[in-house]
N, C-alpha and C. Protein backbone atom coordinates (compact mmCIF):
# COMPACT_ATOMS: atom_id res chain seq x y z
N MET A 1 -51.93 -53.46 46.05
CA MET A 1 -52.08 -52.44 46.01
C MET A 1 -51.30 -51.73 44.35
N LYS A 2 -50.14 -52.71 44.38
CA LYS A 2 -48.89 -52.35 42.98
C LYS A 2 -49.84 -52.48 41.86
N HIS A 3 -50.68 -53.63 41.56
CA HIS A 3 -51.37 -54.27 40.39
C HIS A 3 -52.35 -52.92 39.70
N LEU A 4 -52.95 -52.47 41.54
CA LEU A 4 -53.60 -51.60 40.55
C LEU A 4 -53.35 -50.55 40.39
N LYS A 5 -52.26 -50.05 40.50
CA LYS A 5 -51.44 -48.81 40.25
C LYS A 5 -51.37 -48.63 38.95
N ILE A 6 -50.57 -49.96 38.19
CA ILE A 6 -50.59 -50.32 37.18
C ILE A 6 -52.13 -50.20 36.13
N THR A 7 -52.58 -50.93 36.54
CA THR A 7 -54.20 -50.80 35.66
C THR A 7 -54.25 -49.69 36.00
N LEU A 8 -54.74 -48.56 36.65
CA LEU A 8 -54.55 -47.40 36.69
C LEU A 8 -53.75 -46.78 35.61
N ALA A 9 -52.39 -46.82 35.82
CA ALA A 9 -51.08 -45.95 34.69
C ALA A 9 -52.08 -46.20 32.88
N LEU A 10 -52.12 -47.63 33.22
CA LEU A 10 -52.54 -47.87 31.26
C LEU A 10 -53.74 -47.03 31.06
N PHE A 11 -54.87 -46.75 31.61
CA PHE A 11 -56.17 -45.83 31.68
C PHE A 11 -54.90 -44.71 31.54
N PHE A 12 -54.37 -44.49 32.03
CA PHE A 12 -54.30 -42.98 32.09
C PHE A 12 -53.07 -42.50 30.84
N VAL A 13 -53.09 -43.59 30.59
CA VAL A 13 -51.59 -43.81 29.06
C VAL A 13 -52.97 -43.62 27.95
N ALA A 14 -53.91 -44.40 27.83
CA ALA A 14 -55.04 -44.19 27.25
C ALA A 14 -55.70 -43.10 26.41
N LEU A 15 -55.92 -42.26 27.91
CA LEU A 15 -56.17 -41.15 28.00
C LEU A 15 -55.18 -40.01 27.11
N ALA A 16 -53.81 -40.26 27.82
CA ALA A 16 -52.80 -39.04 27.26
C ALA A 16 -52.96 -38.95 24.99
N PHE A 17 -53.89 -40.38 24.53
CA PHE A 17 -53.76 -40.43 23.19
C PHE A 17 -55.19 -39.76 22.86
N GLY A 18 -55.97 -39.42 23.65
CA GLY A 18 -57.19 -38.66 23.54
C GLY A 18 -57.33 -38.27 22.08
N ALA A 19 -56.46 -37.99 21.27
CA ALA A 19 -56.79 -36.31 20.04
C ALA A 19 -57.61 -37.80 19.03
N ALA A 20 -56.76 -38.63 19.20
CA ALA A 20 -57.28 -39.34 18.22
C ALA A 20 -58.48 -40.41 18.67
N ALA A 21 -58.60 -40.42 19.76
CA ALA A 21 -59.52 -41.62 20.37
C ALA A 21 -61.35 -41.37 20.22
N GLN A 22 -61.73 -42.59 20.84
CA GLN A 22 -63.21 -42.93 20.47
C GLN A 22 -63.62 -43.67 21.83
N PHE A 23 -64.38 -42.52 23.08
CA PHE A 23 -65.01 -43.41 24.18
C PHE A 23 -65.94 -44.08 24.11
N ASN A 24 -65.65 -45.17 24.65
CA ASN A 24 -67.10 -46.07 24.23
C ASN A 24 -67.24 -46.28 25.80
N SER A 25 -68.58 -47.04 25.84
CA SER A 25 -68.89 -47.03 27.28
C SER A 25 -69.98 -48.56 27.17
N GLY A 26 -69.74 -49.12 28.22
CA GLY A 26 -71.10 -50.43 27.65
C GLY A 26 -71.47 -51.03 29.47
N VAL A 27 -72.08 -52.26 29.09
CA VAL A 27 -72.72 -53.33 30.07
C VAL A 27 -72.98 -54.12 29.21
N ASN A 28 -73.09 -55.12 30.12
CA ASN A 28 -73.11 -57.08 30.14
C ASN A 28 -73.76 -57.79 30.92
N VAL A 29 -73.94 -58.39 30.48
CA VAL A 29 -74.48 -59.69 31.71
C VAL A 29 -74.01 -60.91 31.18
N GLY A 30 -73.90 -61.81 31.85
CA GLY A 30 -74.25 -63.07 31.54
C GLY A 30 -74.00 -64.54 32.04
N LEU A 31 -73.04 -65.44 32.20
CA LEU A 31 -72.83 -66.26 32.93
C LEU A 31 -71.55 -66.81 33.44
N VAL A 32 -71.34 -67.47 34.45
CA VAL A 32 -70.16 -67.69 34.88
C VAL A 32 -70.04 -69.11 34.95
N ILE A 33 -69.03 -70.28 34.44
CA ILE A 33 -68.93 -71.23 34.81
C ILE A 33 -67.82 -71.88 35.74
N PRO A 34 -67.35 -71.94 36.78
CA PRO A 34 -66.15 -72.32 37.30
C PRO A 34 -65.80 -73.90 36.53
N THR A 35 -64.53 -73.67 36.83
CA THR A 35 -64.03 -75.01 36.16
C THR A 35 -62.52 -75.43 37.00
N GLY A 36 -61.81 -76.31 36.55
CA GLY A 36 -60.93 -77.01 37.35
C GLY A 36 -61.74 -77.34 38.87
N ASP A 37 -60.51 -77.03 39.61
CA ASP A 37 -60.65 -77.42 41.36
C ASP A 37 -62.18 -76.02 41.49
N MET A 38 -62.41 -75.29 41.22
CA MET A 38 -63.00 -74.22 41.20
C MET A 38 -64.52 -74.79 41.03
N SER A 39 -64.82 -75.99 40.26
CA SER A 39 -66.04 -76.85 40.08
C SER A 39 -66.41 -77.49 40.68
N ASP A 40 -65.34 -78.19 41.92
CA ASP A 40 -65.75 -78.94 42.81
C ASP A 40 -66.45 -78.57 44.35
N VAL A 41 -66.84 -77.07 44.26
CA VAL A 41 -67.35 -76.39 45.32
C VAL A 41 -68.32 -75.34 44.55
N LEU A 42 -68.25 -75.04 43.34
CA LEU A 42 -69.92 -74.09 43.00
C LEU A 42 -69.94 -74.37 41.06
N LYS A 43 -71.35 -73.91 42.02
CA LYS A 43 -72.39 -74.18 40.35
C LYS A 43 -72.18 -73.17 39.55
N LEU A 44 -73.03 -73.41 38.68
CA LEU A 44 -73.14 -72.08 37.47
C LEU A 44 -73.46 -71.07 38.11
N GLY A 45 -73.40 -69.75 37.74
CA GLY A 45 -73.31 -68.62 38.25
C GLY A 45 -73.98 -67.54 37.13
N PHE A 46 -74.06 -66.24 37.65
CA PHE A 46 -74.55 -65.25 36.85
C PHE A 46 -73.48 -63.94 37.46
N GLY A 47 -73.49 -63.04 36.37
CA GLY A 47 -72.80 -61.71 36.54
C GLY A 47 -72.94 -60.08 35.58
N GLY A 48 -72.40 -59.64 36.07
CA GLY A 48 -72.98 -58.11 35.32
C GLY A 48 -71.23 -57.44 35.49
N HIS A 49 -71.52 -56.33 34.10
CA HIS A 49 -70.11 -55.89 34.36
C HIS A 49 -70.34 -54.06 33.81
N ILE A 50 -69.56 -53.30 34.17
CA ILE A 50 -69.58 -51.88 33.05
C ILE A 50 -68.53 -51.78 33.03
N ASN A 51 -67.64 -51.30 31.48
CA ASN A 51 -66.65 -51.06 31.27
C ASN A 51 -66.13 -49.62 30.52
N ALA A 52 -65.27 -48.86 30.12
CA ALA A 52 -64.76 -47.66 29.84
C ALA A 52 -63.87 -47.85 28.75
N SER A 53 -63.93 -47.24 27.44
CA SER A 53 -62.46 -47.79 27.44
C SER A 53 -62.61 -46.47 25.62
N TYR A 54 -61.37 -46.37 25.48
CA TYR A 54 -61.01 -45.62 24.47
C TYR A 54 -60.02 -46.23 23.49
N VAL A 55 -60.69 -45.93 21.85
CA VAL A 55 -60.21 -46.54 20.93
C VAL A 55 -58.51 -45.49 20.72
N ILE A 56 -57.33 -46.30 21.10
CA ILE A 56 -56.36 -45.30 20.94
C ILE A 56 -55.17 -45.46 19.52
N ALA A 57 -55.30 -46.30 18.86
CA ALA A 57 -55.37 -46.30 17.11
C ALA A 57 -56.43 -47.83 16.61
N ASP A 58 -56.47 -47.79 15.47
CA ASP A 58 -57.09 -48.38 14.44
C ASP A 58 -57.41 -49.67 15.47
N HIS A 59 -58.25 -50.12 15.27
CA HIS A 59 -58.57 -51.51 16.06
C HIS A 59 -57.95 -51.37 17.37
N LEU A 60 -57.95 -50.80 17.93
CA LEU A 60 -57.28 -50.64 19.48
C LEU A 60 -57.80 -50.12 20.57
N PRO A 61 -58.99 -50.38 21.18
CA PRO A 61 -59.12 -49.95 22.51
C PRO A 61 -58.61 -50.61 23.95
N ILE A 62 -58.70 -50.15 24.55
CA ILE A 62 -58.22 -50.40 26.43
C ILE A 62 -58.55 -49.35 27.02
N GLY A 63 -59.46 -50.03 27.94
CA GLY A 63 -59.59 -49.13 29.04
C GLY A 63 -60.04 -50.21 30.00
N LEU A 64 -60.88 -49.79 31.15
CA LEU A 64 -61.40 -50.46 32.37
C LEU A 64 -62.37 -50.81 32.52
N ASN A 65 -62.72 -51.73 33.05
CA ASN A 65 -63.71 -53.34 33.45
C ASN A 65 -64.02 -53.56 35.04
N VAL A 66 -65.50 -52.83 35.25
CA VAL A 66 -65.44 -53.52 37.03
C VAL A 66 -66.56 -54.34 36.80
N GLY A 67 -66.66 -55.34 37.46
CA GLY A 67 -68.11 -56.91 37.68
C GLY A 67 -68.43 -57.12 38.53
N TYR A 68 -68.88 -57.79 38.55
CA TYR A 68 -69.67 -58.61 40.46
C TYR A 68 -70.18 -59.96 39.31
N GLU A 69 -69.78 -61.34 39.75
CA GLU A 69 -70.14 -62.37 39.91
C GLU A 69 -70.57 -62.86 40.61
N HIS A 70 -71.52 -63.38 40.95
CA HIS A 70 -72.10 -64.74 41.71
C HIS A 70 -72.10 -66.17 41.42
N PHE A 71 -71.59 -67.35 42.30
CA PHE A 71 -71.47 -68.19 42.16
C PHE A 71 -72.13 -69.00 43.62
N PRO A 72 -73.46 -69.64 43.33
CA PRO A 72 -74.05 -70.23 44.22
C PRO A 72 -72.89 -71.55 44.46
N GLY A 73 -73.14 -72.35 46.06
CA GLY A 73 -72.40 -73.29 46.32
C GLY A 73 -73.71 -74.16 46.93
N PRO A 74 -72.73 -75.29 47.45
CA PRO A 74 -73.81 -76.58 47.66
C PRO A 74 -74.41 -76.17 48.57
N SER A 75 -75.67 -77.01 49.21
CA SER A 75 -76.56 -76.54 50.61
C SER A 75 -76.02 -78.20 51.33
N GLU A 76 -75.90 -77.98 52.06
CA GLU A 76 -75.75 -79.70 53.02
C GLU A 76 -76.36 -79.60 54.39
N THR A 77 -77.40 -80.53 54.85
CA THR A 77 -77.33 -80.68 55.81
C THR A 77 -76.71 -81.64 57.00
N VAL A 78 -76.44 -81.23 57.84
CA VAL A 78 -75.11 -81.69 58.68
C VAL A 78 -76.23 -81.45 59.71
N HIS A 79 -76.23 -82.59 60.64
CA HIS A 79 -76.89 -82.87 62.05
C HIS A 79 -77.61 -82.14 62.11
N GLY A 80 -78.86 -81.87 60.93
CA GLY A 80 -79.77 -81.20 60.87
C GLY A 80 -79.84 -79.49 60.87
N ILE A 81 -78.60 -79.39 60.65
CA ILE A 81 -78.76 -77.92 60.12
C ILE A 81 -78.26 -78.00 58.71
N THR A 82 -78.98 -76.66 58.05
CA THR A 82 -78.73 -76.68 56.44
C THR A 82 -77.43 -75.58 56.62
N VAL A 83 -76.27 -76.15 55.82
CA VAL A 83 -74.94 -75.16 55.84
C VAL A 83 -75.56 -74.83 53.82
N THR A 84 -75.31 -73.25 53.99
CA THR A 84 -75.24 -72.96 52.64
C THR A 84 -73.92 -72.38 52.53
N SER A 85 -73.80 -71.56 51.18
CA SER A 85 -72.34 -71.62 50.85
C SER A 85 -72.68 -70.57 49.21
N SER A 86 -71.59 -69.70 49.33
CA SER A 86 -71.75 -69.31 48.15
C SER A 86 -70.22 -68.58 47.71
N ALA A 87 -70.01 -68.26 46.94
CA ALA A 87 -68.62 -66.92 46.66
C ALA A 87 -69.09 -66.01 45.43
N THR A 88 -68.51 -64.64 45.70
CA THR A 88 -68.83 -63.65 44.40
C THR A 88 -67.65 -63.01 44.19
N ILE A 89 -67.11 -63.02 43.33
CA ILE A 89 -65.71 -62.73 42.65
C ILE A 89 -66.24 -60.89 41.88
N VAL A 90 -65.42 -59.95 42.64
CA VAL A 90 -65.11 -58.38 41.82
C VAL A 90 -63.88 -58.17 41.20
N PRO A 91 -64.16 -58.32 39.61
CA PRO A 91 -63.21 -58.00 38.83
C PRO A 91 -62.98 -56.05 38.76
N VAL A 92 -61.79 -56.23 38.93
CA VAL A 92 -61.49 -54.55 38.59
C VAL A 92 -60.04 -54.77 37.98
N THR A 93 -60.33 -54.72 36.59
CA THR A 93 -59.79 -54.99 35.60
C THR A 93 -59.40 -53.55 34.39
N ALA A 94 -57.97 -53.92 33.70
CA ALA A 94 -57.86 -53.23 32.66
C ALA A 94 -57.60 -54.24 31.69
N PHE A 95 -57.95 -53.81 30.19
CA PHE A 95 -58.13 -54.85 29.11
C PHE A 95 -57.54 -53.88 28.20
N LEU A 96 -57.18 -54.45 27.61
CA LEU A 96 -56.58 -54.95 25.66
C LEU A 96 -57.35 -55.57 24.56
N GLN A 97 -58.05 -54.70 24.03
CA GLN A 97 -58.25 -55.62 22.63
C GLN A 97 -57.67 -55.36 21.37
N TYR A 98 -58.06 -55.89 20.34
CA TYR A 98 -57.81 -56.01 18.92
C TYR A 98 -58.59 -56.50 18.02
N ARG A 99 -59.18 -55.42 17.51
CA ARG A 99 -60.22 -55.86 16.73
C ARG A 99 -59.87 -56.31 15.32
N ILE A 100 -60.49 -57.38 14.68
CA ILE A 100 -59.63 -57.93 13.21
C ILE A 100 -60.02 -56.70 12.29
N THR A 101 -61.43 -56.73 12.46
CA THR A 101 -61.80 -55.91 11.16
C THR A 101 -62.56 -54.14 11.29
N ASP A 102 -62.56 -53.72 10.63
CA ASP A 102 -62.84 -52.14 10.44
C ASP A 102 -64.74 -52.30 9.89
N SER A 103 -64.99 -53.34 10.08
CA SER A 103 -66.43 -53.41 9.79
C SER A 103 -67.86 -53.53 10.02
N LYS A 104 -69.31 -53.72 10.07
CA LYS A 104 -70.73 -53.69 11.11
C LYS A 104 -70.20 -55.10 11.90
N VAL A 105 -69.61 -55.79 11.47
CA VAL A 105 -69.02 -57.42 12.39
C VAL A 105 -67.79 -57.25 12.61
N GLN A 106 -67.48 -57.17 13.79
CA GLN A 106 -65.55 -56.45 14.14
C GLN A 106 -65.60 -58.24 15.48
N PRO A 107 -64.81 -59.11 14.73
CA PRO A 107 -64.57 -59.86 15.56
C PRO A 107 -63.08 -59.66 16.58
N PHE A 108 -63.12 -59.41 17.81
CA PHE A 108 -61.55 -59.46 18.75
C PHE A 108 -61.26 -60.37 19.56
N LEU A 109 -59.75 -60.13 19.73
CA LEU A 109 -59.00 -60.65 20.68
C LEU A 109 -58.96 -59.95 21.65
N GLY A 110 -58.83 -60.32 22.92
CA GLY A 110 -58.35 -59.21 24.24
C GLY A 110 -57.93 -59.71 25.63
N SER A 111 -57.51 -59.39 26.41
CA SER A 111 -57.32 -59.42 27.78
C SER A 111 -57.64 -58.85 28.52
N ASP A 112 -57.92 -59.33 29.34
CA ASP A 112 -57.98 -58.25 31.13
C ASP A 112 -57.23 -58.33 31.80
N PHE A 113 -56.53 -57.67 32.48
CA PHE A 113 -55.69 -57.84 33.66
C PHE A 113 -55.96 -57.29 35.28
N GLY A 114 -56.03 -57.51 35.66
CA GLY A 114 -56.13 -56.85 36.98
C GLY A 114 -56.75 -57.30 38.52
N MET A 115 -56.94 -56.50 39.67
CA MET A 115 -57.29 -57.30 40.50
C MET A 115 -58.77 -58.16 40.81
N TYR A 116 -58.96 -59.00 41.47
CA TYR A 116 -59.76 -59.84 41.57
C TYR A 116 -60.13 -60.05 42.82
N LEU A 117 -61.20 -59.44 43.82
CA LEU A 117 -61.82 -60.01 45.24
C LEU A 117 -62.68 -60.67 44.87
N GLU A 118 -62.10 -61.93 45.77
CA GLU A 118 -62.85 -62.99 45.96
C GLU A 118 -63.33 -62.91 47.46
N THR A 119 -64.71 -63.34 47.66
CA THR A 119 -65.41 -63.64 48.56
C THR A 119 -66.40 -64.80 48.85
N ALA A 120 -65.80 -65.84 50.50
CA ALA A 120 -66.40 -66.64 50.46
C ALA A 120 -67.38 -66.36 51.48
N LYS A 121 -68.97 -66.98 51.44
CA LYS A 121 -69.68 -66.84 52.40
C LYS A 121 -70.44 -68.47 52.69
N ALA A 122 -70.61 -68.41 54.03
CA ALA A 122 -71.39 -69.86 54.62
C ALA A 122 -72.28 -68.77 55.27
N THR A 123 -73.78 -69.87 55.54
CA THR A 123 -74.73 -69.71 56.04
C THR A 123 -75.17 -71.09 57.09
N ALA A 124 -75.52 -70.84 58.18
CA ALA A 124 -75.87 -71.92 59.07
C ALA A 124 -76.94 -71.63 60.23
N SER A 125 -78.23 -71.98 60.20
CA SER A 125 -79.26 -71.18 61.39
C SER A 125 -79.14 -69.90 61.49
N GLY A 126 -79.05 -69.17 60.70
CA GLY A 126 -79.36 -67.97 60.34
C GLY A 126 -77.98 -66.64 61.08
N ILE A 127 -76.93 -67.93 61.01
CA ILE A 127 -75.50 -66.82 61.22
C ILE A 127 -74.46 -67.33 59.65
N SER A 128 -73.88 -65.77 59.41
CA SER A 128 -73.31 -65.70 58.51
C SER A 128 -71.58 -65.69 58.57
N ALA A 129 -70.79 -66.21 57.97
CA ALA A 129 -69.38 -66.31 57.99
C ALA A 129 -69.15 -65.59 56.29
N SER A 130 -67.87 -64.77 56.37
CA SER A 130 -67.41 -64.92 55.27
C SER A 130 -65.94 -64.63 55.66
N THR A 131 -64.94 -64.73 54.49
CA THR A 131 -63.38 -64.58 54.28
C THR A 131 -63.66 -63.97 52.67
N SER A 132 -62.54 -62.77 52.63
CA SER A 132 -62.52 -62.18 51.63
C SER A 132 -60.57 -62.39 50.84
N GLN A 133 -60.46 -62.17 50.49
CA GLN A 133 -59.31 -61.75 49.36
C GLN A 133 -59.03 -61.24 48.40
N THR A 134 -58.09 -60.59 47.68
CA THR A 134 -57.17 -59.93 46.46
C THR A 134 -56.41 -60.44 46.03
N HIS A 135 -56.68 -61.06 44.58
CA HIS A 135 -55.61 -61.58 43.79
C HIS A 135 -55.55 -61.00 43.04
N PHE A 136 -54.32 -61.45 42.12
CA PHE A 136 -54.31 -60.49 40.66
C PHE A 136 -54.67 -61.64 39.50
N GLY A 137 -55.22 -61.51 38.46
CA GLY A 137 -55.34 -62.48 37.40
C GLY A 137 -55.72 -61.86 36.05
N ILE A 138 -55.72 -62.60 35.01
CA ILE A 138 -55.85 -62.49 33.96
C ILE A 138 -56.98 -62.89 33.09
N ALA A 139 -57.52 -62.68 31.78
CA ALA A 139 -58.65 -63.34 31.03
C ALA A 139 -58.39 -62.73 29.84
N PRO A 140 -57.83 -63.98 29.09
CA PRO A 140 -58.18 -63.94 28.16
C PRO A 140 -59.34 -64.07 26.89
N THR A 141 -59.45 -63.09 25.96
CA THR A 141 -61.05 -63.11 25.44
C THR A 141 -61.24 -63.22 24.16
N LEU A 142 -62.25 -63.49 23.62
CA LEU A 142 -62.49 -64.05 22.29
C LEU A 142 -64.06 -63.26 22.17
N GLY A 143 -64.23 -62.57 21.09
CA GLY A 143 -65.96 -61.73 20.95
C GLY A 143 -65.99 -60.96 19.82
N VAL A 144 -67.11 -60.96 19.42
CA VAL A 144 -67.58 -60.34 18.30
C VAL A 144 -68.25 -58.91 18.57
N LEU A 145 -68.11 -57.77 17.83
CA LEU A 145 -69.33 -56.33 18.06
C LEU A 145 -69.85 -56.54 17.09
N ILE A 146 -71.00 -56.03 17.37
CA ILE A 146 -71.96 -56.19 15.75
C ILE A 146 -72.55 -54.89 15.83
N SER A 147 -72.38 -53.55 14.87
CA SER A 147 -72.64 -52.82 15.20
C SER A 147 -74.44 -52.41 14.85
N MET A 148 -75.25 -52.02 15.80
CA MET A 148 -76.55 -51.86 15.44
C MET A 148 -76.86 -50.58 14.93
N SER A 149 -76.01 -49.88 15.00
CA SER A 149 -76.07 -48.09 14.73
C SER A 149 -75.16 -47.74 14.71
N ASP A 150 -74.84 -46.14 14.32
CA ASP A 150 -73.41 -45.81 14.52
C ASP A 150 -72.64 -45.36 16.29
N GLN A 151 -73.87 -45.54 17.10
CA GLN A 151 -73.32 -45.21 18.47
C GLN A 151 -73.85 -46.66 19.17
N ILE A 152 -74.19 -47.94 18.86
CA ILE A 152 -74.74 -48.90 19.23
C ILE A 152 -74.11 -49.80 18.72
N ALA A 153 -73.95 -51.00 19.60
CA ALA A 153 -73.34 -52.05 19.06
C ALA A 153 -73.48 -53.17 19.64
N LEU A 154 -73.56 -54.44 19.44
CA LEU A 154 -73.82 -55.70 20.40
C LEU A 154 -72.44 -56.48 20.96
N ASP A 155 -72.67 -56.59 22.01
CA ASP A 155 -71.42 -56.84 22.40
C ASP A 155 -71.31 -58.81 22.39
N VAL A 156 -70.98 -59.58 22.16
CA VAL A 156 -70.95 -61.00 22.95
C VAL A 156 -69.11 -61.19 22.81
N HIS A 157 -68.73 -62.10 24.03
CA HIS A 157 -67.78 -62.58 24.22
C HIS A 157 -67.14 -63.07 25.47
N GLY A 158 -66.32 -64.49 25.13
CA GLY A 158 -66.18 -64.80 26.27
C GLY A 158 -64.94 -65.21 26.64
N LYS A 159 -64.85 -65.14 28.04
CA LYS A 159 -63.48 -64.62 28.74
C LYS A 159 -63.07 -66.02 29.56
N TYR A 160 -62.04 -66.17 29.53
CA TYR A 160 -61.75 -67.45 30.37
C TYR A 160 -60.61 -66.81 31.42
N ASN A 161 -61.18 -66.74 32.67
CA ASN A 161 -60.32 -66.14 33.80
C ASN A 161 -59.64 -66.71 34.88
N MET A 162 -58.46 -66.15 34.85
CA MET A 162 -57.46 -67.10 35.89
C MET A 162 -57.33 -66.25 37.11
N ILE A 163 -57.14 -66.77 38.25
CA ILE A 163 -57.08 -65.49 39.64
C ILE A 163 -56.27 -66.74 40.21
N PHE A 164 -54.79 -65.45 40.44
CA PHE A 164 -53.11 -66.44 41.00
C PHE A 164 -53.25 -66.43 41.85
N TYR A 165 -53.28 -66.95 42.83
CA TYR A 165 -52.89 -66.86 44.81
C TYR A 165 -51.41 -68.11 45.06
N SER A 166 -50.95 -67.90 45.79
CA SER A 166 -49.83 -68.58 46.67
C SER A 166 -50.14 -69.96 46.57
N GLY A 167 -49.90 -71.19 45.50
CA GLY A 167 -50.43 -72.38 45.64
C GLY A 167 -51.34 -72.79 44.78
N GLY A 168 -51.53 -72.08 43.45
CA GLY A 168 -52.90 -72.95 42.83
C GLY A 168 -53.43 -71.01 42.31
N SER A 169 -54.30 -71.66 41.65
CA SER A 169 -55.29 -70.45 40.93
C SER A 169 -56.84 -70.99 40.51
N ASP A 170 -57.76 -69.52 40.66
CA ASP A 170 -58.82 -70.42 40.34
C ASP A 170 -59.21 -70.06 39.17
N LYS A 171 -60.27 -71.02 38.45
CA LYS A 171 -60.18 -70.59 36.58
C LYS A 171 -62.14 -70.84 36.42
N TYR A 172 -62.66 -69.62 35.52
CA TYR A 172 -63.74 -70.09 35.34
C TYR A 172 -63.81 -69.03 34.24
N ILE A 173 -64.96 -69.52 33.42
CA ILE A 173 -65.71 -69.21 31.95
C ILE A 173 -66.77 -67.96 32.35
N GLY A 174 -66.48 -66.94 31.40
CA GLY A 174 -67.34 -65.90 31.67
C GLY A 174 -68.15 -65.64 30.04
N ILE A 175 -69.23 -66.26 29.37
CA ILE A 175 -69.96 -65.87 28.44
C ILE A 175 -70.92 -64.50 28.46
N ASN A 176 -70.69 -63.49 27.67
CA ASN A 176 -71.84 -62.57 27.81
C ASN A 176 -71.92 -61.77 26.88
N VAL A 177 -73.28 -61.45 27.17
CA VAL A 177 -74.00 -60.43 25.88
C VAL A 177 -73.97 -59.09 26.85
N GLY A 178 -73.85 -57.78 25.57
CA GLY A 178 -74.06 -56.54 26.10
C GLY A 178 -74.52 -55.64 25.26
N ILE A 179 -74.24 -54.31 25.67
CA ILE A 179 -74.17 -53.44 24.62
C ILE A 179 -73.17 -52.21 24.85
N ILE A 180 -72.44 -51.82 23.76
CA ILE A 180 -71.55 -51.03 23.61
C ILE A 180 -71.91 -49.45 23.33
N ILE A 181 -71.99 -48.13 24.09
CA ILE A 181 -72.40 -47.11 23.19
C ILE A 181 -71.28 -46.53 23.18
N LYS A 182 -71.39 -46.16 21.54
CA LYS A 182 -69.87 -45.87 20.92
C LYS A 182 -69.97 -43.96 21.01
N GLY A 183 -69.01 -43.19 21.42
CA GLY A 183 -68.86 -41.95 21.48
C GLY A 183 -68.05 -41.59 19.95
N ALA A 184 -68.83 -40.55 20.12
CA ALA A 184 -68.38 -39.54 18.53
C ALA A 184 -66.27 -39.93 18.34
N LYS A 185 -66.23 -39.97 17.35
CA LYS A 185 -64.90 -39.96 16.83
C LYS A 185 -63.84 -38.54 16.92
N LYS A 186 -63.14 -38.26 18.02
CA LYS A 186 -62.09 -37.10 17.33
C LYS A 186 -61.40 -36.83 16.63
N LYS A 187 -62.27 -35.83 15.88
CA LYS A 187 -60.74 -35.46 14.10
C LYS A 187 -59.26 -35.33 14.91
N LYS A 188 -58.80 -35.80 13.59
CA LYS A 188 -57.33 -35.72 14.00
C LYS A 188 -56.43 -34.74 14.13
């Protein structure tokens, strides 16, 4: 809960800079690739995100991101009973980016940080069981925005998600493509 409060506080700080800010919103979809120990039990998955941000200074947006990511697991037959498994992750994060240029093609660096709700599910003979936990995580990001018009940009980026818990971490790569809808810049 403490991390969620910090995330929300950072978002409201961004709102305070609204006089010179530009509001943006976006949506993206992509592939999620488990790495490390996570890749031992989960397969290539898919996900999607929505986000909102304010450009609080030249080249510097800050915002919120909410996503849904699904990872299929193995399907095994044990004593004639097929057991299937999967995992979902719902990241609720704040993010900060630094856009390297102010041209039509804008490479950027950034990081997400916030809460990740992880749910694991197993099903056998029509009976399902699941468990969920919430942990803090970060996601260093590298990407590029390509302006398609004054209001729309193509967003292509990769994230290396690291979710921390007592005794270890879950890690996966997200490769995403989406659209950013740019709001009008407010006059200073």
